[in-house]
Amino acid sequence: MVQQECTKQYDLEERTFQFAKRVRAFVKMLPRTIANIEDVKQLVRASGSVGANYIETNEALGKKDFRMRVRISRKESKESCYWLRLVYTGNSPVVEAERTALIQESNELMKIFGAIVRKFE
């Protein structure tokens, strides 16, 4: 049972890592507008923070700290979704499709972190 839990944790760590990597690849495809330059900074920070805060749950000092870190991961997932919706993609269907996929992933991560918080309350 313990082995299975470790695998699940690793999978979520890897999933959040891949999300941050995909966001970084996505922003390279965006048009360089003044608004996008500023919005992309926020998007990159939020997307990286999702996984970074989840990793911190492994070092949590107790249940309260654990819940706080998971809540921060959920908040950063939600914020990533906001910035993804806000950035300008131009007229490229490929870029728009990747944005849609990333929004879906950020929503799924929000739901996962929300379920974890509810489980430990």
PDB file of N, CA and C in Angstrom:
ATOM      1  N   MET A   1       0.821  -1.198   0.000  1.00  0.00           N
ATOM      2  CA  MET A   1       0.000   0.000   0.000  1.00  0.00           C
ATOM      3  C   MET A   1       0.865   1.262   0.000  1.00  0.00           C
ATOM      4  N   VAL A   2       1.925   1.270   0.800  1.00  0.00           N
ATOM      5  CA  VAL A   2       2.804   2.440   0.861  1.00  0.00           C
ATOM      6  C   VAL A   2       3.467   2.659  -0.493  1.00  0.00           C
ATOM      7  N   GLN A   3       3.895   1.576  -1.141  1.00  0.00           N
ATOM      8  CA  GLN A   3       4.531   1.683  -2.455  1.00  0.00           C
ATOM      9  C   GLN A   3       3.582   2.340  -3.462  1.00  0.00           C
ATOM     10  N   GLN A   4       2.316   1.959  -3.439  1.00  0.00           N
ATOM     11  CA  GLN A   4       1.335   2.512  -4.355  1.00  0.00           C
ATOM     12  C   GLN A   4       1.158   4.011  -4.117  1.00  0.00           C
ATOM     13  N   GLU A   5       1.117   4.439  -2.862  1.00  0.00           N
ATOM     14  CA  GLU A   5       0.964   5.860  -2.554  1.00  0.00           C
ATOM     15  C   GLU A   5       2.152   6.657  -3.071  1.00  0.00           C
ATOM     16  N   CYS A   6       3.360   6.111  -2.948  1.00  0.00           N
ATOM     17  CA  CYS A   6       4.554   6.797  -3.451  1.00  0.00           C
ATOM     18  C   CYS A   6       4.472   6.965  -4.964  1.00  0.00           C
ATOM     19  N   THR A   7       3.986   5.945  -5.645  1.00  0.00           N
ATOM     20  CA  THR A   7       3.851   6.021  -7.092  1.00  0.00           C
ATOM     21  C   THR A   7       2.861   7.108  -7.489  1.00  0.00           C
ATOM     22  N   LYS A   8       1.748   7.196  -6.771  1.00  0.00           N
ATOM     23  CA  LYS A   8       0.750   8.221  -7.067  1.00  0.00           C
ATOM     24  C   LYS A   8       1.328   9.611  -6.856  1.00  0.00           C
ATOM     25  N   GLN A   9       2.077   9.801  -5.769  1.00  0.00           N
ATOM     26  CA  GLN A   9       2.708  11.099  -5.521  1.00  0.00           C
ATOM     27  C   GLN A   9       3.654  11.443  -6.660  1.00  0.00           C
ATOM     28  N   TYR A  10       4.464  10.478  -7.049  1.00  0.00           N
ATOM     29  CA  TYR A  10       5.421  10.720  -8.126  1.00  0.00           C
ATOM     30  C   TYR A  10       4.694  11.099  -9.411  1.00  0.00           C
ATOM     31  N   ASP A  11       3.612  10.411  -9.711  1.00  0.00           N
ATOM     32  CA  ASP A  11       2.865  10.702 -10.920  1.00  0.00           C
ATOM     33  C   ASP A  11       2.346  12.143 -10.914  1.00  0.00           C
ATOM     34  N   LEU A  12       1.849  12.610  -9.789  1.00  0.00           N
ATOM     35  CA  LEU A  12       1.349  13.979  -9.718  1.00  0.00           C
ATOM     36  C   LEU A  12       2.497  14.979  -9.789  1.00  0.00           C
ATOM     37  N   GLU A  13       3.618  14.651  -9.190  1.00  0.00           N
ATOM     38  CA  GLU A  13       4.796  15.510  -9.316  1.00  0.00           C
ATOM     39  C   GLU A  13       5.219  15.597 -10.784  1.00  0.00           C
ATOM     40  N   GLU A  14       5.235  14.467 -11.444  1.00  0.00           N
ATOM     41  CA  GLU A  14       5.632  14.443 -12.859  1.00  0.00           C
ATOM     42  C   GLU A  14       4.597  15.177 -13.717  1.00  0.00           C
ATOM     43  N   ARG A  15       3.345  14.988 -13.400  1.00  0.00           N
ATOM     44  CA  ARG A  15       2.283  15.646 -14.169  1.00  0.00           C
ATOM     45  C   ARG A  15       2.369  17.164 -14.048  1.00  0.00           C
ATOM     46  N   THR A  16       2.617  17.657 -12.839  1.00  0.00           N
ATOM     47  CA  THR A  16       2.738  19.108 -12.664  1.00  0.00           C
ATOM     48  C   THR A  16       4.010  19.631 -13.324  1.00  0.00           C
ATOM     49  N   PHE A  17       5.064  18.830 -13.312  1.00  0.00           N
ATOM     50  CA  PHE A  17       6.302  19.195 -13.998  1.00  0.00           C
ATOM     51  C   PHE A  17       6.074  19.298 -15.508  1.00  0.00           C
ATOM     52  N   GLN A  18       5.377  18.314 -16.061  1.00  0.00           N
ATOM     53  CA  GLN A  18       5.086  18.319 -17.500  1.00  0.00           C
ATOM     54  C   GLN A  18       4.181  19.495 -17.870  1.00  0.00           C
ATOM     55  N   PHE A  19       3.248  19.831 -16.988  1.00  0.00           N
ATOM     56  CA  PHE A  19       2.383  20.991 -17.221  1.00  0.00           C
ATOM     57  C   PHE A  19       3.224  22.257 -17.335  1.00  0.00           C
ATOM     58  N   ALA A  20       4.143  22.449 -16.403  1.00  0.00           N
ATOM     59  CA  ALA A  20       5.007  23.636 -16.439  1.00  0.00           C
ATOM     60  C   ALA A  20       5.872  23.653 -17.694  1.00  0.00           C
ATOM     61  N   LYS A  21       6.384  22.495 -18.089  1.00  0.00           N
ATOM     62  CA  LYS A  21       7.196  22.419 -19.314  1.00  0.00           C
ATOM     63  C   LYS A  21       6.367  22.749 -20.554  1.00  0.00           C
ATOM     64  N   ARG A  22       5.147  22.233 -20.606  1.00  0.00           N
ATOM     65  CA  ARG A  22       4.271  22.516 -21.752  1.00  0.00           C
ATOM     66  C   ARG A  22       3.928  23.994 -21.827  1.00  0.00           C
ATOM     67  N   VAL A  23       3.700  24.619 -20.675  1.00  0.00           N
ATOM     68  CA  VAL A  23       3.412  26.055 -20.659  1.00  0.00           C
ATOM     69  C   VAL A  23       4.608  26.817 -21.216  1.00  0.00           C
ATOM     70  N   ARG A  24       5.812  26.431 -20.827  1.00  0.00           N
ATOM     71  CA  ARG A  24       7.009  27.114 -21.312  1.00  0.00           C
ATOM     72  C   ARG A  24       7.173  26.965 -22.823  1.00  0.00           C
ATOM     73  N   ALA A  25       6.849  25.792 -23.354  1.00  0.00           N
ATOM     74  CA  ALA A  25       6.897  25.594 -24.807  1.00  0.00           C
ATOM     75  C   ALA A  25       5.799  26.410 -25.498  1.00  0.00           C
ATOM     76  N   PHE A  26       4.625  26.453 -24.871  1.00  0.00           N
ATOM     77  CA  PHE A  26       3.488  27.196 -25.416  1.00  0.00           C
ATOM     78  C   PHE A  26       3.796  28.683 -25.546  1.00  0.00           C
ATOM     79  N   VAL A  27       4.370  29.263 -24.508  1.00  0.00           N
ATOM     80  CA  VAL A  27       4.597  30.716 -24.541  1.00  0.00           C
ATOM     81  C   VAL A  27       5.597  31.110 -25.619  1.00  0.00           C
ATOM     82  N   LYS A  28       6.448  30.180 -26.025  1.00  0.00           N
ATOM     83  CA  LYS A  28       7.398  30.467 -27.113  1.00  0.00           C
ATOM     84  C   LYS A  28       6.684  30.614 -28.456  1.00  0.00           C
ATOM     85  N   MET A  29       5.471  30.066 -28.556  1.00  0.00           N
ATOM     86  CA  MET A  29       4.699  30.142 -29.798  1.00  0.00           C
ATOM     87  C   MET A  29       3.842  31.407 -29.880  1.00  0.00           C
ATOM     88  N   LEU A  30       3.712  32.132 -28.772  1.00  0.00           N
ATOM     89  CA  LEU A  30       2.812  33.287 -28.726  1.00  0.00           C
ATOM     90  C   LEU A  30       3.404  34.505 -29.427  1.00  0.00           C
ATOM     91  N   PRO A  31       2.531  35.342 -30.013  1.00  0.00           N
ATOM     92  CA  PRO A  31       3.008  36.603 -30.590  1.00  0.00           C
ATOM     93  C   PRO A  31       3.599  37.486 -29.490  1.00  0.00           C
ATOM     94  N   ARG A  32       4.627  38.231 -29.834  1.00  0.00           N
ATOM     95  CA  ARG A  32       5.297  39.116 -28.873  1.00  0.00           C
ATOM     96  C   ARG A  32       4.607  40.475 -28.845  1.00  0.00           C
ATOM     97  N   THR A  33       3.545  40.559 -28.069  1.00  0.00           N
ATOM     98  CA  THR A  33       2.882  41.849 -27.879  1.00  0.00           C
ATOM     99  C   THR A  33       3.250  42.353 -26.490  1.00  0.00           C
ATOM    100  N   ILE A  34       3.047  43.628 -26.253  1.00  0.00           N
ATOM    101  CA  ILE A  34       3.358  44.192 -24.938  1.00  0.00           C
ATOM    102  C   ILE A  34       2.552  43.480 -23.858  1.00  0.00           C
ATOM    103  N   ALA A  35       1.270  43.268 -24.111  1.00  0.00           N
ATOM    104  CA  ALA A  35       0.418  42.589 -23.124  1.00  0.00           C
ATOM    105  C   ALA A  35       0.884  41.151 -22.895  1.00  0.00           C
ATOM    106  N   ASN A  36       1.192  40.432 -23.978  1.00  0.00           N
ATOM    107  CA  ASN A  36       1.634  39.044 -23.829  1.00  0.00           C
ATOM    108  C   ASN A  36       2.933  38.947 -23.044  1.00  0.00           C
ATOM    109  N   ILE A  37       3.836  39.874 -23.263  1.00  0.00           N
ATOM    110  CA  ILE A  37       5.107  39.831 -22.537  1.00  0.00           C
ATOM    111  C   ILE A  37       4.853  39.859 -21.035  1.00  0.00           C
ATOM    112  N   GLU A  38       3.964  40.724 -20.598  1.00  0.00           N
ATOM    113  CA  GLU A  38       3.651  40.820 -19.163  1.00  0.00           C
ATOM    114  C   GLU A  38       2.827  39.630 -18.679  1.00  0.00           C
ATOM    115  N   ASP A  39       1.832  39.233 -19.457  1.00  0.00           N
ATOM    116  CA  ASP A  39       0.974  38.121 -19.055  1.00  0.00           C
ATOM    117  C   ASP A  39       1.743  36.798 -19.013  1.00  0.00           C
ATOM    118  N   VAL A  40       2.665  36.619 -19.951  1.00  0.00           N
ATOM    119  CA  VAL A  40       3.463  35.393 -20.006  1.00  0.00           C
ATOM    120  C   VAL A  40       4.317  35.244 -18.748  1.00  0.00           C
ATOM    121  N   LYS A  41       4.844  36.344 -18.250  1.00  0.00           N
ATOM    122  CA  LYS A  41       5.634  36.276 -17.011  1.00  0.00           C
ATOM    123  C   LYS A  41       4.798  35.685 -15.882  1.00  0.00           C
ATOM    124  N   GLN A  42       3.561  36.159 -15.774  1.00  0.00           N
ATOM    125  CA  GLN A  42       2.666  35.661 -14.724  1.00  0.00           C
ATOM    126  C   GLN A  42       2.309  34.194 -14.955  1.00  0.00           C
ATOM    127  N   LEU A  43       2.051  33.841 -16.198  1.00  0.00           N
ATOM    128  CA  LEU A  43       1.690  32.469 -16.540  1.00  0.00           C
ATOM    129  C   LEU A  43       2.827  31.506 -16.216  1.00  0.00           C
ATOM    130  N   VAL A  44       4.033  31.869 -16.578  1.00  0.00           N
ATOM    131  CA  VAL A  44       5.184  31.003 -16.319  1.00  0.00           C
ATOM    132  C   VAL A  44       5.376  30.820 -14.808  1.00  0.00           C
ATOM    133  N   ARG A  45       5.266  31.898 -14.062  1.00  0.00           N
ATOM    134  CA  ARG A  45       5.414  31.793 -12.597  1.00  0.00           C
ATOM    135  C   ARG A  45       4.345  30.896 -11.984  1.00  0.00           C
ATOM    136  N   ALA A  46       3.100  31.129 -12.362  1.00  0.00           N
ATOM    137  CA  ALA A  46       1.997  30.354 -11.784  1.00  0.00           C
ATOM    138  C   ALA A  46       2.108  28.874 -12.146  1.00  0.00           C
ATOM    139  N   SER A  47       2.420  28.582 -13.405  1.00  0.00           N
ATOM    140  CA  SER A  47       2.483  27.181 -13.836  1.00  0.00           C
ATOM    141  C   SER A  47       3.612  26.431 -13.137  1.00  0.00           C
ATOM    142  N   GLY A  48       4.731  27.079 -12.909  1.00  0.00           N
ATOM    143  CA  GLY A  48       5.825  26.435 -12.187  1.00  0.00           C
ATOM    144  C   GLY A  48       5.528  26.269 -10.714  1.00  0.00           C
ATOM    145  N   SER A  49       4.778  27.193 -10.176  1.00  0.00           N
ATOM    146  CA  SER A  49       4.448  27.172  -8.758  1.00  0.00           C
ATOM    147  C   SER A  49       3.493  26.032  -8.403  1.00  0.00           C
ATOM    148  N   VAL A  50       2.716  25.576  -9.364  1.00  0.00           N
ATOM    149  CA  VAL A  50       1.796  24.456  -9.110  1.00  0.00           C
ATOM    150  C   VAL A  50       2.592  23.260  -8.596  1.00  0.00           C
ATOM    151  N   GLY A  51       3.574  22.845  -9.371  1.00  0.00           N
ATOM    152  CA  GLY A  51       4.375  21.680  -8.999  1.00  0.00           C
ATOM    153  C   GLY A  51       5.314  21.943  -7.845  1.00  0.00           C
ATOM    154  N   ALA A  52       5.894  23.131  -7.798  1.00  0.00           N
ATOM    155  CA  ALA A  52       6.836  23.452  -6.721  1.00  0.00           C
ATOM    156  C   ALA A  52       6.149  23.352  -5.361  1.00  0.00           C
ATOM    157  N   ASN A  53       4.941  23.861  -5.277  1.00  0.00           N
ATOM    158  CA  ASN A  53       4.218  23.787  -4.006  1.00  0.00           C
ATOM    159  C   ASN A  53       3.752  22.370  -3.708  1.00  0.00           C
ATOM    160  N   TYR A  54       3.410  21.609  -4.737  1.00  0.00           N
ATOM    161  CA  TYR A  54       3.039  20.220  -4.493  1.00  0.00           C
ATOM    162  C   TYR A  54       4.239  19.442  -3.960  1.00  0.00           C
ATOM    163  N   ILE A  55       5.412  19.682  -4.510  1.00  0.00           N
ATOM    164  CA  ILE A  55       6.618  19.013  -4.021  1.00  0.00           C
ATOM    165  C   ILE A  55       6.845  19.347  -2.544  1.00  0.00           C
ATOM    166  N   GLU A  56       6.531  20.574  -2.167  1.00  0.00           N
ATOM    167  CA  GLU A  56       6.680  20.985  -0.766  1.00  0.00           C
ATOM    168  C   GLU A  56       5.778  20.196   0.171  1.00  0.00           C
ATOM    169  N   THR A  57       4.701  19.612  -0.346  1.00  0.00           N
ATOM    170  CA  THR A  57       3.820  18.819   0.524  1.00  0.00           C
ATOM    171  C   THR A  57       4.562  17.613   1.083  1.00  0.00           C
ATOM    172  N   ASN A  58       5.568  17.125   0.350  1.00  0.00           N
ATOM    173  CA  ASN A  58       6.346  15.981   0.833  1.00  0.00           C
ATOM    174  C   ASN A  58       7.171  16.329   2.068  1.00  0.00           C
ATOM    175  N   GLU A  59       7.420  17.602   2.265  1.00  0.00           N
ATOM    176  CA  GLU A  59       8.197  18.057   3.421  1.00  0.00           C
ATOM    177  C   GLU A  59       7.311  18.778   4.444  1.00  0.00           C
ATOM    178  N   ALA A  60       6.019  18.612   4.326  1.00  0.00           N
ATOM    179  CA  ALA A  60       5.086  19.312   5.214  1.00  0.00           C
ATOM    180  C   ALA A  60       5.371  18.990   6.672  1.00  0.00           C
ATOM    181  N   LEU A  61       5.208  19.995   7.499  1.00  0.00           N
ATOM    182  CA  LEU A  61       5.482  19.859   8.930  1.00  0.00           C
ATOM    183  C   LEU A  61       4.310  19.255   9.700  1.00  0.00           C
ATOM    184  N   GLY A  62       3.191  19.132   9.049  1.00  0.00           N
ATOM    185  CA  GLY A  62       2.006  18.555   9.674  1.00  0.00           C
ATOM    186  C   GLY A  62       0.840  18.661   8.723  1.00  0.00           C
ATOM    187  N   LYS A  63      -0.336  18.236   9.205  1.00  0.00           N
ATOM    188  CA  LYS A  63      -1.532  18.263   8.358  1.00  0.00           C
ATOM    189  C   LYS A  63      -1.883  19.678   7.896  1.00  0.00           C
ATOM    190  N   LYS A  64      -1.755  20.627   8.804  1.00  0.00           N
ATOM    191  CA  LYS A  64      -2.110  22.009   8.472  1.00  0.00           C
ATOM    192  C   LYS A  64      -1.203  22.553   7.365  1.00  0.00           C
ATOM    193  N   ASP A  65       0.093  22.303   7.479  1.00  0.00           N
ATOM    194  CA  ASP A  65       1.055  22.735   6.465  1.00  0.00           C
ATOM    195  C   ASP A  65       0.789  22.024   5.139  1.00  0.00           C
ATOM    196  N   PHE A  66       0.484  20.724   5.222  1.00  0.00           N
ATOM    197  CA  PHE A  66       0.175  19.940   4.030  1.00  0.00           C
ATOM    198  C   PHE A  66      -1.017  20.540   3.288  1.00  0.00           C
ATOM    199  N   ARG A  67      -2.098  20.786   4.041  1.00  0.00           N
ATOM    200  CA  ARG A  67      -3.302  21.348   3.418  1.00  0.00           C
ATOM    201  C   ARG A  67      -3.020  22.709   2.801  1.00  0.00           C
ATOM    202  N   MET A  68      -2.226  23.517   3.480  1.00  0.00           N
ATOM    203  CA  MET A  68      -1.911  24.844   2.952  1.00  0.00           C
ATOM    204  C   MET A  68      -1.157  24.736   1.622  1.00  0.00           C
ATOM    205  N   ARG A  69      -0.196  23.844   1.550  1.00  0.00           N
ATOM    206  CA  ARG A  69       0.587  23.673   0.314  1.00  0.00           C
ATOM    207  C   ARG A  69      -0.296  23.173  -0.828  1.00  0.00           C
ATOM    208  N   VAL A  70      -1.165  22.240  -0.530  1.00  0.00           N
ATOM    209  CA  VAL A  70      -2.067  21.725  -1.572  1.00  0.00           C
ATOM    210  C   VAL A  70      -3.019  22.831  -2.027  1.00  0.00           C
ATOM    211  N   ARG A  71      -3.495  23.629  -1.085  1.00  0.00           N
ATOM    212  CA  ARG A  71      -4.373  24.754  -1.449  1.00  0.00           C
ATOM    213  C   ARG A  71      -3.632  25.759  -2.334  1.00  0.00           C
ATOM    214  N   ILE A  72      -2.371  25.995  -2.035  1.00  0.00           N
ATOM    215  CA  ILE A  72      -1.581  26.915  -2.868  1.00  0.00           C
ATOM    216  C   ILE A  72      -1.430  26.329  -4.269  1.00  0.00           C
ATOM    217  N   SER A  73      -1.184  25.030  -4.369  1.00  0.00           N
ATOM    218  CA  SER A  73      -1.095  24.388  -5.687  1.00  0.00           C
ATOM    219  C   SER A  73      -2.403  24.555  -6.453  1.00  0.00           C
ATOM    220  N   ARG A  74      -3.518  24.391  -5.753  1.00  0.00           N
ATOM    221  CA  ARG A  74      -4.825  24.573  -6.397  1.00  0.00           C
ATOM    222  C   ARG A  74      -4.993  26.016  -6.861  1.00  0.00           C
ATOM    223  N   LYS A  75      -4.610  26.961  -6.012  1.00  0.00           N
ATOM    224  CA  LYS A  75      -4.720  28.377  -6.347  1.00  0.00           C
ATOM    225  C   LYS A  75      -3.853  28.714  -7.567  1.00  0.00           C
ATOM    226  N   GLU A  76      -2.654  28.169  -7.612  1.00  0.00           N
ATOM    227  CA  GLU A  76      -1.752  28.444  -8.739  1.00  0.00           C
ATOM    228  C   GLU A  76      -2.270  27.785 -10.028  1.00  0.00           C
ATOM    229  N   SER A  77      -2.920  26.639  -9.904  1.00  0.00           N
ATOM    230  CA  SER A  77      -3.551  26.005 -11.071  1.00  0.00           C
ATOM    231  C   SER A  77      -4.649  26.905 -11.623  1.00  0.00           C
ATOM    232  N   LYS A  78      -5.433  27.458 -10.706  1.00  0.00           N
ATOM    233  CA  LYS A  78      -6.523  28.356 -11.094  1.00  0.00           C
ATOM    234  C   LYS A  78      -5.964  29.621 -11.742  1.00  0.00           C
ATOM    235  N   GLU A  79      -4.895  30.144 -11.164  1.00  0.00           N
ATOM    236  CA  GLU A  79      -4.271  31.342 -11.723  1.00  0.00           C
ATOM    237  C   GLU A  79      -3.681  31.056 -13.108  1.00  0.00           C
ATOM    238  N   SER A  80      -3.085  29.888 -13.283  1.00  0.00           N
ATOM    239  CA  SER A  80      -2.548  29.505 -14.594  1.00  0.00           C
ATOM    240  C   SER A  80      -3.651  29.511 -15.635  1.00  0.00           C
ATOM    241  N   CYS A  81      -4.800  28.995 -15.267  1.00  0.00           N
ATOM    242  CA  CYS A  81      -5.946  28.975 -16.174  1.00  0.00           C
ATOM    243  C   CYS A  81      -6.336  30.395 -16.571  1.00  0.00           C
ATOM    244  N   TYR A  82      -6.347  31.284 -15.610  1.00  0.00           N
ATOM    245  CA  TYR A  82      -6.690  32.685 -15.874  1.00  0.00           C
ATOM    246  C   TYR A  82      -5.738  33.288 -16.909  1.00  0.00           C
ATOM    247  N   TRP A  83      -4.421  33.136 -16.686  1.00  0.00           N
ATOM    248  CA  TRP A  83      -3.448  33.721 -17.607  1.00  0.00           C
ATOM    249  C   TRP A  83      -3.497  33.042 -18.972  1.00  0.00           C
ATOM    250  N   LEU A  84      -3.768  31.739 -18.993  1.00  0.00           N
ATOM    251  CA  LEU A  84      -3.907  31.046 -20.281  1.00  0.00           C
ATOM    252  C   LEU A  84      -5.072  31.612 -21.080  1.00  0.00           C
ATOM    253  N   ARG A  85      -6.155  31.908 -20.400  1.00  0.00           N
ATOM    254  CA  ARG A  85      -7.321  32.484 -21.078  1.00  0.00           C
ATOM    255  C   ARG A  85      -7.027  33.897 -21.580  1.00  0.00           C
ATOM    256  N   LEU A  86      -6.168  34.609 -20.894  1.00  0.00           N
ATOM    257  CA  LEU A  86      -5.929  36.015 -21.182  1.00  0.00           C
ATOM    258  C   LEU A  86      -4.931  36.253 -22.316  1.00  0.00           C
ATOM    259  N   VAL A  87      -3.949  35.386 -22.476  1.00  0.00           N
ATOM    260  CA  VAL A  87      -2.919  35.644 -23.484  1.00  0.00           C
ATOM    261  C   VAL A  87      -3.509  35.634 -24.891  1.00  0.00           C
ATOM    262  N   TYR A  88      -2.885  36.425 -25.758  1.00  0.00           N
ATOM    263  CA  TYR A  88      -3.308  36.542 -27.153  1.00  0.00           C
ATOM    264  C   TYR A  88      -2.560  35.500 -27.975  1.00  0.00           C
ATOM    265  N   THR A  89      -3.302  34.662 -28.694  1.00  0.00           N
ATOM    266  CA  THR A  89      -2.680  33.576 -29.461  1.00  0.00           C
ATOM    267  C   THR A  89      -2.522  33.891 -30.946  1.00  0.00           C
ATOM    268  N   GLY A  90      -3.010  35.033 -31.376  1.00  0.00           N
ATOM    269  CA  GLY A  90      -2.966  35.312 -32.808  1.00  0.00           C
ATOM    270  C   GLY A  90      -4.047  34.503 -33.502  1.00  0.00           C
ATOM    271  N   ASN A  91      -3.810  34.156 -34.736  1.00  0.00           N
ATOM    272  CA  ASN A  91      -4.804  33.399 -35.500  1.00  0.00           C
ATOM    273  C   ASN A  91      -4.377  31.963 -35.768  1.00  0.00           C
ATOM    274  N   SER A  92      -3.454  31.462 -34.989  1.00  0.00           N
ATOM    275  CA  SER A  92      -2.935  30.113 -35.217  1.00  0.00           C
ATOM    276  C   SER A  92      -3.815  29.056 -34.547  1.00  0.00           C
ATOM    277  N   PRO A  93      -4.390  28.150 -35.341  1.00  0.00           N
ATOM    278  CA  PRO A  93      -5.201  27.076 -34.767  1.00  0.00           C
ATOM    279  C   PRO A  93      -4.370  26.131 -33.894  1.00  0.00           C
ATOM    280  N   VAL A  94      -3.097  25.957 -34.226  1.00  0.00           N
ATOM    281  CA  VAL A  94      -2.217  25.080 -33.448  1.00  0.00           C
ATOM    282  C   VAL A  94      -1.999  25.658 -32.053  1.00  0.00           C
ATOM    283  N   VAL A  95      -1.730  26.963 -31.991  1.00  0.00           N
ATOM    284  CA  VAL A  95      -1.500  27.629 -30.710  1.00  0.00           C
ATOM    285  C   VAL A  95      -2.795  27.628 -29.893  1.00  0.00           C
ATOM    286  N   GLU A  96      -3.895  27.885 -30.551  1.00  0.00           N
ATOM    287  CA  GLU A  96      -5.194  27.897 -29.859  1.00  0.00           C
ATOM    288  C   GLU A  96      -5.528  26.509 -29.316  1.00  0.00           C
ATOM    289  N   ALA A  97      -5.218  25.464 -30.078  1.00  0.00           N
ATOM    290  CA  ALA A  97      -5.479  24.091 -29.620  1.00  0.00           C
ATOM    291  C   ALA A  97      -4.633  23.757 -28.390  1.00  0.00           C
ATOM    292  N   GLU A  98      -3.386  24.196 -28.392  1.00  0.00           N
ATOM    293  CA  GLU A  98      -2.529  23.942 -27.224  1.00  0.00           C
ATOM    294  C   GLU A  98      -3.028  24.721 -26.020  1.00  0.00           C
ATOM    295  N   ARG A  99      -3.492  25.946 -26.235  1.00  0.00           N
ATOM    296  CA  ARG A  99      -4.050  26.715 -25.116  1.00  0.00           C
ATOM    297  C   ARG A  99      -5.245  25.976 -24.519  1.00  0.00           C
ATOM    298  N   THR A 100      -6.135  25.484 -25.362  1.00  0.00           N
ATOM    299  CA  THR A 100      -7.310  24.753 -24.902  1.00  0.00           C
ATOM    300  C   THR A 100      -6.900  23.529 -24.084  1.00  0.00           C
ATOM    301  N   ALA A 101      -5.895  22.795 -24.569  1.00  0.00           N
ATOM    302  CA  ALA A 101      -5.417  21.608 -23.858  1.00  0.00           C
ATOM    303  C   ALA A 101      -4.804  21.986 -22.507  1.00  0.00           C
ATOM    304  N   LEU A 102      -4.067  23.078 -22.469  1.00  0.00           N
ATOM    305  CA  LEU A 102      -3.451  23.523 -21.219  1.00  0.00           C
ATOM    306  C   LEU A 102      -4.504  24.014 -20.220  1.00  0.00           C
ATOM    307  N   ILE A 103      -5.522  24.675 -20.707  1.00  0.00           N
ATOM    308  CA  ILE A 103      -6.617  25.102 -19.828  1.00  0.00           C
ATOM    309  C   ILE A 103      -7.299  23.874 -19.231  1.00  0.00           C
ATOM    310  N   GLN A 104      -7.522  22.864 -20.054  1.00  0.00           N
ATOM    311  CA  GLN A 104      -8.135  21.628 -19.558  1.00  0.00           C
ATOM    312  C   GLN A 104      -7.248  20.986 -18.489  1.00  0.00           C
ATOM    313  N   GLU A 105      -5.943  20.948 -18.733  1.00  0.00           N
ATOM    314  CA  GLU A 105      -5.030  20.361 -17.749  1.00  0.00           C
ATOM    315  C   GLU A 105      -5.025  21.159 -16.448  1.00  0.00           C
ATOM    316  N   SER A 106      -5.032  22.471 -16.543  1.00  0.00           N
ATOM    317  CA  SER A 106      -5.045  23.280 -15.313  1.00  0.00           C
ATOM    318  C   SER A 106      -6.344  23.063 -14.540  1.00  0.00           C
ATOM    319  N   ASN A 107      -7.450  22.904 -15.256  1.00  0.00           N
ATOM    320  CA  ASN A 107      -8.728  22.611 -14.590  1.00  0.00           C
ATOM    321  C   ASN A 107      -8.710  21.243 -13.918  1.00  0.00           C
ATOM    322  N   GLU A 108      -8.111  20.252 -14.580  1.00  0.00           N
ATOM    323  CA  GLU A 108      -8.016  18.926 -13.987  1.00  0.00           C
ATOM    324  C   GLU A 108      -7.132  18.957 -12.740  1.00  0.00           C
ATOM    325  N   LEU A 109      -6.024  19.693 -12.813  1.00  0.00           N
ATOM    326  CA  LEU A 109      -5.159  19.817 -11.637  1.00  0.00           C
ATOM    327  C   LEU A 109      -5.891  20.495 -10.488  1.00  0.00           C
ATOM    328  N   MET A 110      -6.683  21.523 -10.796  1.00  0.00           N
ATOM    329  CA  MET A 110      -7.484  22.177  -9.754  1.00  0.00           C
ATOM    330  C   MET A 110      -8.404  21.176  -9.070  1.00  0.00           C
ATOM    331  N   LYS A 111      -9.053  20.337  -9.849  1.00  0.00           N
ATOM    332  CA  LYS A 111      -9.977  19.342  -9.292  1.00  0.00           C
ATOM    333  C   LYS A 111      -9.236  18.317  -8.441  1.00  0.00           C
ATOM    334  N   ILE A 112      -8.074  17.885  -8.904  1.00  0.00           N
ATOM    335  CA  ILE A 112      -7.284  16.919  -8.142  1.00  0.00           C
ATOM    336  C   ILE A 112      -6.870  17.510  -6.802  1.00  0.00           C
ATOM    337  N   PHE A 113      -6.330  18.724  -6.827  1.00  0.00           N
ATOM    338  CA  PHE A 113      -5.890  19.352  -5.582  1.00  0.00           C
ATOM    339  C   PHE A 113      -7.082  19.642  -4.661  1.00  0.00           C
ATOM    340  N   GLY A 114      -8.210  20.002  -5.241  1.00  0.00           N
ATOM    341  CA  GLY A 114      -9.414  20.218  -4.439  1.00  0.00           C
ATOM    342  C   GLY A 114      -9.850  18.945  -3.745  1.00  0.00           C
ATOM    343  N   ALA A 115      -9.765  17.820  -4.458  1.00  0.00           N
ATOM    344  CA  ALA A 115     -10.139  16.537  -3.866  1.00  0.00           C
ATOM    345  C   ALA A 115      -9.173  16.152  -2.749  1.00  0.00           C
ATOM    346  N   ILE A 116      -7.902  16.435  -2.931  1.00  0.00           N
ATOM    347  CA  ILE A 116      -6.908  16.139  -1.882  1.00  0.00           C
ATOM    348  C   ILE A 116      -7.210  16.961  -0.634  1.00  0.00           C
ATOM    349  N   VAL A 117      -7.503  18.234  -0.811  1.00  0.00           N
ATOM    350  CA  VAL A 117      -7.816  19.101   0.334  1.00  0.00           C
ATOM    351  C   VAL A 117      -9.036  18.565   1.075  1.00  0.00           C
ATOM    352  N   ARG A 118     -10.081  18.217   0.337  1.00  0.00           N
ATOM    353  CA  ARG A 118     -11.299  17.703   0.973  1.00  0.00           C
ATOM    354  C   ARG A 118     -11.031  16.394   1.714  1.00  0.00           C
ATOM    355  N   LYS A 119     -10.168  15.560   1.174  1.00  0.00           N
ATOM    356  CA  LYS A 119      -9.853  14.271   1.794  1.00  0.00           C
ATOM    357  C   LYS A 119      -9.166  14.461   3.139  1.00  0.00           C
ATOM    358  N   PHE A 120      -8.357  15.509   3.272  1.00  0.00           N
ATOM    359  CA  PHE A 120      -7.567  15.711   4.487  1.00  0.00           C
ATOM    360  C   PHE A 120      -8.171  16.743   5.422  1.00  0.00           C
ATOM    361  N   GLU A 121      -9.417  17.111   5.214  1.00  0.00           N
ATOM    362  CA  GLU A 121     -10.079  18.057   6.142  1.00  0.00           C
ATOM    363  C   GLU A 121     -10.855  17.325   7.189  1.00  0.00           C
TER     364      GLU A 121
END
